[in-house]
Protein backbone atom coordinates (compact mmCIF):
# COMPACT_ATOMS: atom_id res chain seq x y z
CA UNK A 1 0.00 0.00 0.00
CA UNK A 2 1.41 3.35 -1.00
CA UNK A 3 1.35 5.83 1.92
CA UNK A 4 0.09 9.39 1.47
CA UNK A 5 2.43 12.20 2.40
CA UNK A 6 2.02 15.97 2.41
CA UNK A 7 3.68 17.36 -0.73
CA UNK A 8 2.33 20.88 -0.71
CA UNK A 9 5.46 22.48 0.68
CA UNK A 10 7.66 20.75 -1.85
CA UNK A 11 5.62 21.89 -4.82
CA UNK A 12 5.22 25.42 -3.47
CA UNK A 13 9.01 25.73 -3.45
CA UNK A 14 9.22 24.28 -6.94
CA UNK A 15 6.61 26.73 -8.21
CA UNK A 16 8.44 29.68 -6.67
CA UNK A 17 11.77 28.68 -8.16
CA UNK A 18 10.26 28.19 -11.59
CA UNK A 19 8.66 31.64 -11.55
CA UNK A 20 11.77 33.29 -10.17
CA UNK A 21 14.10 31.78 -12.71
CA UNK A 22 11.69 31.59 -15.63
CA UNK A 23 13.90 33.76 -17.86
CA UNK A 24 17.03 31.76 -17.14
CA UNK A 25 15.83 28.19 -16.81
CA UNK A 26 13.90 25.58 -18.75
CA UNK A 27 11.11 25.18 -16.14
CA UNK A 28 8.09 24.97 -18.50
CA UNK A 29 4.35 25.41 -18.15
CA UNK A 30 4.12 21.65 -18.42
CA UNK A 31 6.27 21.32 -15.29
CA UNK A 32 4.00 23.72 -13.44
CA UNK A 33 0.90 21.85 -14.55
CA UNK A 34 2.41 18.59 -13.33
CA UNK A 35 3.18 20.10 -9.94
CA UNK A 36 -0.30 21.56 -9.47
CA UNK A 37 -1.95 18.35 -10.64
CA UNK A 38 0.09 16.25 -8.23
CA UNK A 39 -0.68 18.60 -5.36
CA UNK A 40 -4.39 18.43 -6.07
CA UNK A 41 -4.31 14.64 -6.11
CA UNK A 42 -2.49 14.57 -2.79
CA UNK A 43 -5.06 16.84 -1.14
CA UNK A 44 -7.82 14.50 -2.29
CA UNK A 45 -5.87 11.45 -1.01
CA UNK A 46 -6.12 9.78 -4.38
CA UNK A 47 -3.88 8.68 -7.23
CA UNK A 48 -3.97 8.95 -10.97
CA UNK A 49 -6.06 5.98 -12.09
CA UNK A 50 -3.47 5.28 -14.80
CA UNK A 51 -0.54 5.32 -12.40
CA UNK A 52 0.81 2.00 -11.24
CA UNK A 53 0.76 1.67 -7.45
CA UNK A 54 2.96 -0.78 -5.60
CA UNK A 55 0.68 -2.34 -2.95
CA UNK A 56 3.71 -3.78 -1.16
CA UNK A 57 5.72 -0.57 -0.90
CA UNK A 58 7.59 -0.30 2.39
CA UNK A 59 5.76 1.08 5.38
CA UNK A 60 6.74 4.65 6.21
CA UNK A 61 8.97 5.33 9.17
CA UNK A 62 6.59 7.94 10.52
CA UNK A 63 2.86 8.58 10.31
CA UNK A 64 -0.08 6.24 10.22
CA UNK A 65 -0.87 4.07 7.24
CA UNK A 66 -4.44 3.88 5.92
CA UNK A 67 -4.81 0.37 4.54
CA UNK A 68 -8.40 1.09 3.61
CA UNK A 69 -11.09 3.41 4.88
CA UNK A 70 -11.54 2.69 8.57
CA UNK A 71 -8.62 0.27 8.80
CA UNK A 72 -5.54 2.16 9.94
CA UNK A 73 -2.09 1.08 11.06
CA UNK A 74 -0.71 3.35 13.78
CA UNK A 75 2.61 5.15 13.59
CA UNK A 76 4.47 2.63 15.78
CA UNK A 77 3.37 -0.22 13.46
CA UNK A 78 2.08 -2.21 16.43
CA UNK A 79 -1.63 -1.36 16.49
CA UNK A 80 -4.39 -1.43 13.89
CA UNK A 81 -7.47 0.72 14.48
CA UNK A 82 -10.57 -0.83 12.91
CA UNK A 83 -13.38 1.73 12.83
CA UNK A 84 -16.85 0.18 12.74
CA UNK A 85 -20.35 1.57 12.54
CA UNK A 86 -21.71 2.04 16.05
CA UNK A 87 -24.22 -0.79 15.67
CA UNK A 88 -21.48 -3.18 14.53
CA UNK A 89 -19.08 -2.03 17.25
CA UNK A 90 -21.73 -2.61 19.92
CA UNK A 91 -22.14 -6.24 18.86
CA UNK A 92 -18.69 -7.04 20.22
CA UNK A 93 -19.77 -5.65 23.60
CA UNK A 94 -22.86 -7.87 23.69
CA UNK A 95 -21.26 -11.18 22.68
CA UNK A 96 -22.96 -10.88 19.29
CA UNK A 97 -19.92 -10.00 17.18
CA UNK A 98 -18.28 -12.42 14.77
CA UNK A 99 -14.53 -12.37 15.37
CA UNK A 100 -13.97 -14.32 12.19
CA UNK A 101 -14.93 -11.18 10.27
CA UNK A 102 -12.17 -9.26 11.99
CA UNK A 103 -9.53 -11.94 11.45
CA UNK A 104 -10.48 -12.18 7.79
CA UNK A 105 -10.12 -8.41 7.50
CA UNK A 106 -6.60 -8.73 8.92
CA UNK A 107 -5.69 -11.35 6.30
CA UNK A 108 -6.90 -9.12 3.48
CA UNK A 109 -3.84 -6.96 4.15
CA UNK A 110 -1.39 -9.20 6.02
CA UNK A 111 0.19 -12.56 5.43
CA UNK A 112 -0.45 -15.60 7.59
CA UNK A 113 2.48 -14.74 9.87
CA UNK A 114 0.81 -14.65 13.29
CA UNK A 115 0.19 -17.12 16.10
CA UNK A 116 -2.33 -14.85 17.83
CA UNK A 117 -4.73 -12.11 16.86
CA UNK A 118 -5.34 -9.75 19.78
CA UNK A 119 -8.57 -7.76 19.54
CA UNK A 120 -9.28 -4.90 21.93
CA UNK A 121 -12.41 -2.76 22.20
CA UNK A 122 -12.07 0.93 22.97
CA UNK A 123 -13.77 0.80 26.39
CA UNK A 124 -12.68 2.27 29.72
CA UNK A 125 -14.42 -0.42 31.75
CA UNK A 126 -16.07 -3.76 31.12
CA UNK A 127 -19.66 -3.35 29.92
CA UNK A 128 -22.28 -4.91 32.17
CA UNK A 129 -22.56 -8.64 31.67
CA UNK A 130 -19.49 -8.93 29.43
CA UNK A 131 -16.37 -10.95 30.12
CA UNK A 132 -12.99 -9.35 30.88
CA UNK A 133 -11.38 -11.50 28.23
CA UNK A 134 -12.10 -14.46 26.01
CA UNK A 135 -9.93 -16.79 23.95
CA UNK A 136 -11.08 -18.65 20.84
CA UNK A 137 -8.76 -21.58 20.24
CA UNK A 138 -8.51 -22.07 16.49
CA UNK A 139 -6.45 -25.25 16.23
CA UNK A 140 -4.39 -27.78 18.15
CA UNK A 141 -1.49 -29.83 16.81
CA UNK A 142 0.16 -30.55 20.17
CA UNK A 143 -0.04 -33.98 21.73
CA UNK A 144 0.09 -34.76 25.43
CA UNK A 145 -1.72 -31.69 26.83
CA UNK A 146 -5.22 -33.16 27.10
CA UNK A 147 -6.62 -31.73 23.88
CA UNK A 148 -7.42 -33.55 20.67
CA UNK A 149 -5.98 -32.42 17.35
CA UNK A 150 -8.08 -30.24 15.06
CA UNK A 151 -7.66 -27.36 12.61
CA UNK A 152 -10.21 -24.59 12.16
CA UNK A 153 -7.82 -21.99 10.82
CA UNK A 154 -9.46 -21.65 7.42
CA UNK A 155 -12.71 -20.38 8.94
CA UNK A 156 -10.73 -17.45 10.37
CA UNK A 157 -8.96 -16.71 7.08
CA UNK A 158 -5.65 -18.25 8.14
CA UNK A 159 -3.80 -20.73 5.97
CA UNK A 160 -2.72 -22.76 9.00
CA UNK A 161 -0.60 -20.56 11.29
CA UNK A 162 -3.19 -18.98 13.61
CA UNK A 163 -3.48 -20.49 17.11
CA UNK A 164 -6.12 -18.38 18.80
CA UNK A 165 -8.08 -15.13 18.68
CA UNK A 166 -8.28 -13.18 21.94
CA UNK A 167 -10.69 -10.38 22.76
CA UNK A 168 -10.47 -8.00 25.72
CA UNK A 169 -12.93 -5.10 25.89
CA UNK A 170 -10.58 -2.76 27.80
CA UNK A 171 -7.13 -1.87 26.35
CA UNK A 172 -5.78 -1.36 29.88
CA UNK A 173 -6.04 -5.11 30.41
CA UNK A 174 -2.85 -5.43 28.37
CA UNK A 175 -1.14 -4.21 31.54
CA UNK A 176 -3.35 -5.46 34.35
CA UNK A 177 -4.61 -8.69 32.89
CA UNK A 178 -6.24 -11.02 31.99
CA UNK A 179 -3.81 -10.84 29.07
CA UNK A 180 -1.43 -13.57 30.31
CA UNK A 181 -4.47 -15.62 31.29
CA UNK A 182 -6.09 -15.51 27.85
CA UNK A 183 -2.86 -16.37 26.06
CA UNK A 184 -2.27 -19.55 28.09
CA UNK A 185 -5.82 -20.69 27.33
CA UNK A 186 -4.45 -21.89 24.00
CA UNK A 187 -2.71 -24.71 25.88
CA UNK A 188 -4.96 -25.32 28.87
CA UNK A 189 -7.03 -26.49 30.61
CA UNK A 190 -8.47 -28.76 27.94
CA UNK A 191 -8.68 -31.90 30.06
CA UNK A 192 -5.13 -32.06 31.40
CA UNK A 193 -6.47 -32.40 34.96
CA UNK A 194 -10.06 -32.96 36.16
CA UNK A 195 -11.83 -29.75 37.15
CA UNK A 196 -15.27 -28.52 38.12
CA UNK A 197 -14.44 -25.08 36.66
CA UNK A 198 -14.51 -25.63 32.92
CA UNK A 199 -11.34 -24.67 31.06
CA UNK A 200 -9.52 -23.68 34.27
CA UNK A 201 -7.53 -25.35 37.06
CA UNK A 202 -10.28 -24.97 39.65
CA UNK A 203 -9.60 -26.46 43.07
CA UNK A 204 -6.08 -27.66 42.35
CA UNK A 205 -2.51 -27.00 43.41
CA UNK A 206 -1.39 -25.52 40.10
CA UNK A 207 -1.70 -21.96 41.36
CA UNK A 208 -1.21 -20.30 37.99
CA UNK A 209 -2.91 -17.96 35.55
CA UNK A 210 -5.89 -20.30 35.16
CA UNK A 211 -6.47 -20.56 38.89
CA UNK A 212 -5.62 -22.87 41.76
CA UNK A 213 -3.82 -22.63 45.09
CA UNK A 214 -0.14 -23.11 45.87
CA UNK A 215 -0.68 -24.23 49.46
CA UNK A 216 -3.41 -26.39 51.01
CA UNK A 217 -4.23 -26.73 54.71
CA UNK A 218 -6.38 -29.64 55.93
CA UNK A 219 -8.80 -28.19 58.50
CA UNK A 220 -10.43 -31.54 59.26
CA UNK A 221 -13.99 -32.72 58.63
CA UNK A 222 -13.40 -32.68 54.85
CA UNK A 223 -12.73 -28.93 54.97
CA UNK A 224 -9.66 -27.27 53.46
CA UNK A 225 -8.04 -23.87 53.22
CA UNK A 226 -6.41 -22.94 49.93
CA UNK A 227 -3.76 -20.23 49.90
CA UNK A 228 -1.82 -18.16 47.39
CA UNK A 229 1.51 -16.59 48.32
CA UNK A 230 0.91 -17.36 51.99
CA UNK A 231 -2.47 -15.62 52.07
CA UNK A 232 -5.87 -17.24 52.52
CA UNK A 233 -7.77 -17.36 49.26
CA UNK A 234 -7.23 -18.29 45.64
CA UNK A 235 -9.08 -18.10 42.36
CA UNK A 236 -10.62 -21.18 40.84
CA UNK A 237 -10.44 -19.67 37.34
CA UNK A 238 -7.88 -16.84 37.64
CA UNK A 239 -5.32 -15.44 40.04
CA UNK A 240 -4.52 -11.75 40.13
CA UNK A 241 -4.29 -10.85 36.45
CA UNK A 242 -0.76 -10.12 35.24
CA UNK A 243 0.55 -9.89 38.80
CA UNK A 244 1.79 -13.49 38.85
CA UNK A 245 3.78 -15.67 36.45
CA UNK A 246 2.71 -18.90 34.81
CA UNK A 247 2.51 -21.95 37.08
CA UNK A 248 4.59 -25.10 36.77
CA UNK A 249 2.05 -27.11 34.79
CA UNK A 250 1.28 -24.11 32.58
CA UNK A 251 4.96 -23.93 31.67
CA UNK A 252 4.92 -27.66 30.91
CA UNK A 253 1.91 -27.63 28.59
CA UNK A 254 3.36 -24.56 26.85
CA UNK A 255 6.45 -26.64 26.09
CA UNK A 256 8.78 -24.51 28.18
CA UNK A 257 9.88 -27.10 30.76
CA UNK A 258 10.40 -30.84 30.43
CA UNK A 259 8.80 -33.78 32.26
CA UNK A 260 11.69 -33.90 34.72
CA UNK A 261 10.61 -30.45 35.96
CA UNK A 262 6.89 -31.24 36.14
CA UNK A 263 5.38 -31.16 39.65
CA UNK A 264 2.80 -33.52 41.13
CA UNK A 265 -0.72 -32.08 41.33
CA UNK A 266 -3.40 -32.12 44.00
CA UNK A 267 -7.02 -31.54 43.09
CA UNK A 268 -10.26 -31.70 45.04
CA UNK A 269 -12.99 -34.19 44.25
CA UNK A 270 -16.53 -32.75 44.47
CA UNK A 271 -15.42 -29.40 45.95
CA UNK A 272 -17.75 -26.72 47.27
CA UNK A 273 -16.61 -23.25 48.25
CA UNK A 274 -17.38 -21.76 51.66
CA UNK A 275 -15.56 -18.47 50.90
CA UNK A 276 -12.10 -16.90 51.13
CA UNK A 277 -10.35 -19.95 49.70
CA UNK A 278 -12.01 -22.35 52.13
CA UNK A 279 -13.90 -25.29 50.69
CA UNK A 280 -15.23 -28.73 51.41
CA UNK A 281 -14.42 -31.79 49.29
CA UNK A 282 -14.99 -35.52 49.31
CA UNK A 283 -11.28 -36.12 48.84
CA UNK A 284 -7.99 -34.52 47.81
CA UNK A 285 -6.46 -36.54 44.99
CA UNK A 286 -2.74 -36.45 44.26
CA UNK A 287 -1.56 -37.22 40.73
CA UNK A 288 2.15 -37.59 40.09
CA UNK A 289 3.92 -36.12 37.10
CA UNK A 290 4.60 -39.66 35.86
CA UNK A 291 0.89 -40.48 36.07
CA UNK A 292 -0.06 -37.34 34.15
CA UNK A 293 2.36 -38.23 31.35
CA UNK A 294 1.21 -41.84 31.32
CA UNK A 295 -2.40 -40.69 30.99
CA UNK A 296 -1.88 -38.11 28.24
CA UNK A 297 1.33 -39.30 26.62
CA UNK A 298 4.52 -37.33 26.22
CA UNK A 299 4.21 -33.75 25.05
CA UNK A 300 4.93 -33.60 21.33
CA UNK A 301 6.76 -31.50 20.35
CA UNK A 302 8.99 -31.86 23.40
CA UNK A 303 10.61 -29.02 25.28
CA UNK A 304 13.65 -29.36 23.03
CA UNK A 305 11.59 -28.85 19.86
CA UNK A 306 8.67 -26.72 21.03
CA UNK A 307 7.93 -23.24 19.74
CA UNK A 308 9.29 -20.53 22.01
CA UNK A 309 9.02 -17.42 19.85
CA UNK A 310 5.50 -16.26 19.10
CA UNK A 311 4.05 -13.49 16.97
CA UNK A 312 0.81 -11.54 17.21
CA UNK A 313 -1.10 -8.75 15.50
CA UNK A 314 -3.28 -6.34 17.47
CA UNK A 315 -6.55 -4.74 16.33
CA UNK A 316 -8.40 -2.10 18.36
CA UNK A 317 -12.08 -1.74 17.55
CA UNK A 318 -13.74 1.65 17.83
CA UNK A 319 -16.82 3.46 16.56
CA UNK A 320 -14.83 6.57 15.60
CA UNK A 321 -11.22 6.94 14.58
CA UNK A 322 -9.01 6.84 17.66
CA UNK A 323 -6.58 9.64 18.44
CA UNK A 324 -2.88 9.19 17.85
CA UNK A 325 -2.35 9.60 21.59
CA UNK A 326 -4.74 6.77 22.47
CA UNK A 327 -3.13 4.44 19.94
CA UNK A 328 0.33 5.42 21.21
CA UNK A 329 -0.64 4.47 24.78
CA UNK A 330 -1.81 1.04 23.70
CA UNK A 331 1.30 0.63 21.58
CA UNK A 332 3.58 1.46 24.51
CA UNK A 333 1.80 -1.05 26.73
CA UNK A 334 2.11 -3.73 24.06
CA UNK A 335 5.81 -2.98 23.70
CA UNK A 336 6.24 -3.39 27.46
CA UNK A 337 4.25 -6.62 27.44
CA UNK A 338 6.25 -8.12 24.58
CA UNK A 339 9.80 -6.97 25.32
CA UNK A 340 12.50 -9.48 26.29
CA UNK A 341 13.27 -7.49 29.42
CA UNK A 342 11.36 -6.10 32.37
CA UNK A 343 8.64 -3.54 31.57
CA UNK A 344 9.35 0.09 32.38
CA UNK A 345 8.72 1.52 35.83
CA UNK A 346 5.11 2.47 35.06
CA UNK A 347 4.14 -1.20 35.32
CA UNK A 348 5.07 -1.41 38.99
CA UNK A 349 6.38 -4.96 38.99
CA UNK A 350 3.60 -6.49 36.88
CA UNK A 351 4.77 -9.41 34.74
CA UNK A 352 5.09 -9.26 30.98
CA UNK A 353 5.05 -12.37 28.80
CA UNK A 354 8.81 -12.96 28.84
CA UNK A 355 8.96 -12.69 32.62
CA UNK A 356 5.85 -14.83 33.15
CA UNK A 357 7.46 -17.66 31.17
CA UNK A 358 10.60 -17.49 33.35
CA UNK A 359 12.35 -15.86 30.37
CA UNK A 360 11.85 -19.03 28.34
CA UNK A 361 9.56 -17.63 25.61
CA UNK A 362 9.06 -14.37 23.73
CA UNK A 363 6.26 -12.59 21.92
CA UNK A 364 6.63 -10.18 18.99
CA UNK A 365 3.87 -7.67 18.22
CA UNK A 366 5.87 -5.42 15.87
CA UNK A 367 4.69 -5.37 12.25
CA UNK A 368 7.16 -5.20 9.35
CA UNK A 369 7.05 -4.64 5.61
CA UNK A 370 7.38 -8.35 4.94
CA UNK A 371 4.19 -9.07 6.93
CA UNK A 372 2.09 -7.17 4.39
CA UNK A 373 0.58 -8.64 1.26
Foldseek 3Di string as FASTA:
>chain_A
DDAQDQCVVVLVVVVVVCVVCVVPDDCDPVNNVVSVVVNVCSVVVHDDPPDDDDLLPWDDQADKGPNDVQWIQFGQQQEIERADAPVQLVCVLVVNHDCLVVLQVVVVWFALAAQEAEEEEDDADRPPPDDQKAKAFAFDDKFLLQDDGDHRVVSSVHPGRYGIYMYGHHLVCLQFDPPVLRVLLSQDDNGLDDEPPPGAQADKCQQFAQKYAVDWDDPDPQKIFGHHPPFTAMDRGGGGGLQAAGGQVSLQSQLQDALVSHAKMKGFAPWDDPDRRMIGGPDIDIGGSVRSCVVGPGIPVHSVPGAFEGEYHYYYYDNDDDDSVVVVVSVLSVCCQFDLDHRDCVSPNGHHHCVSSVNRHGYHSRDTSNRTD
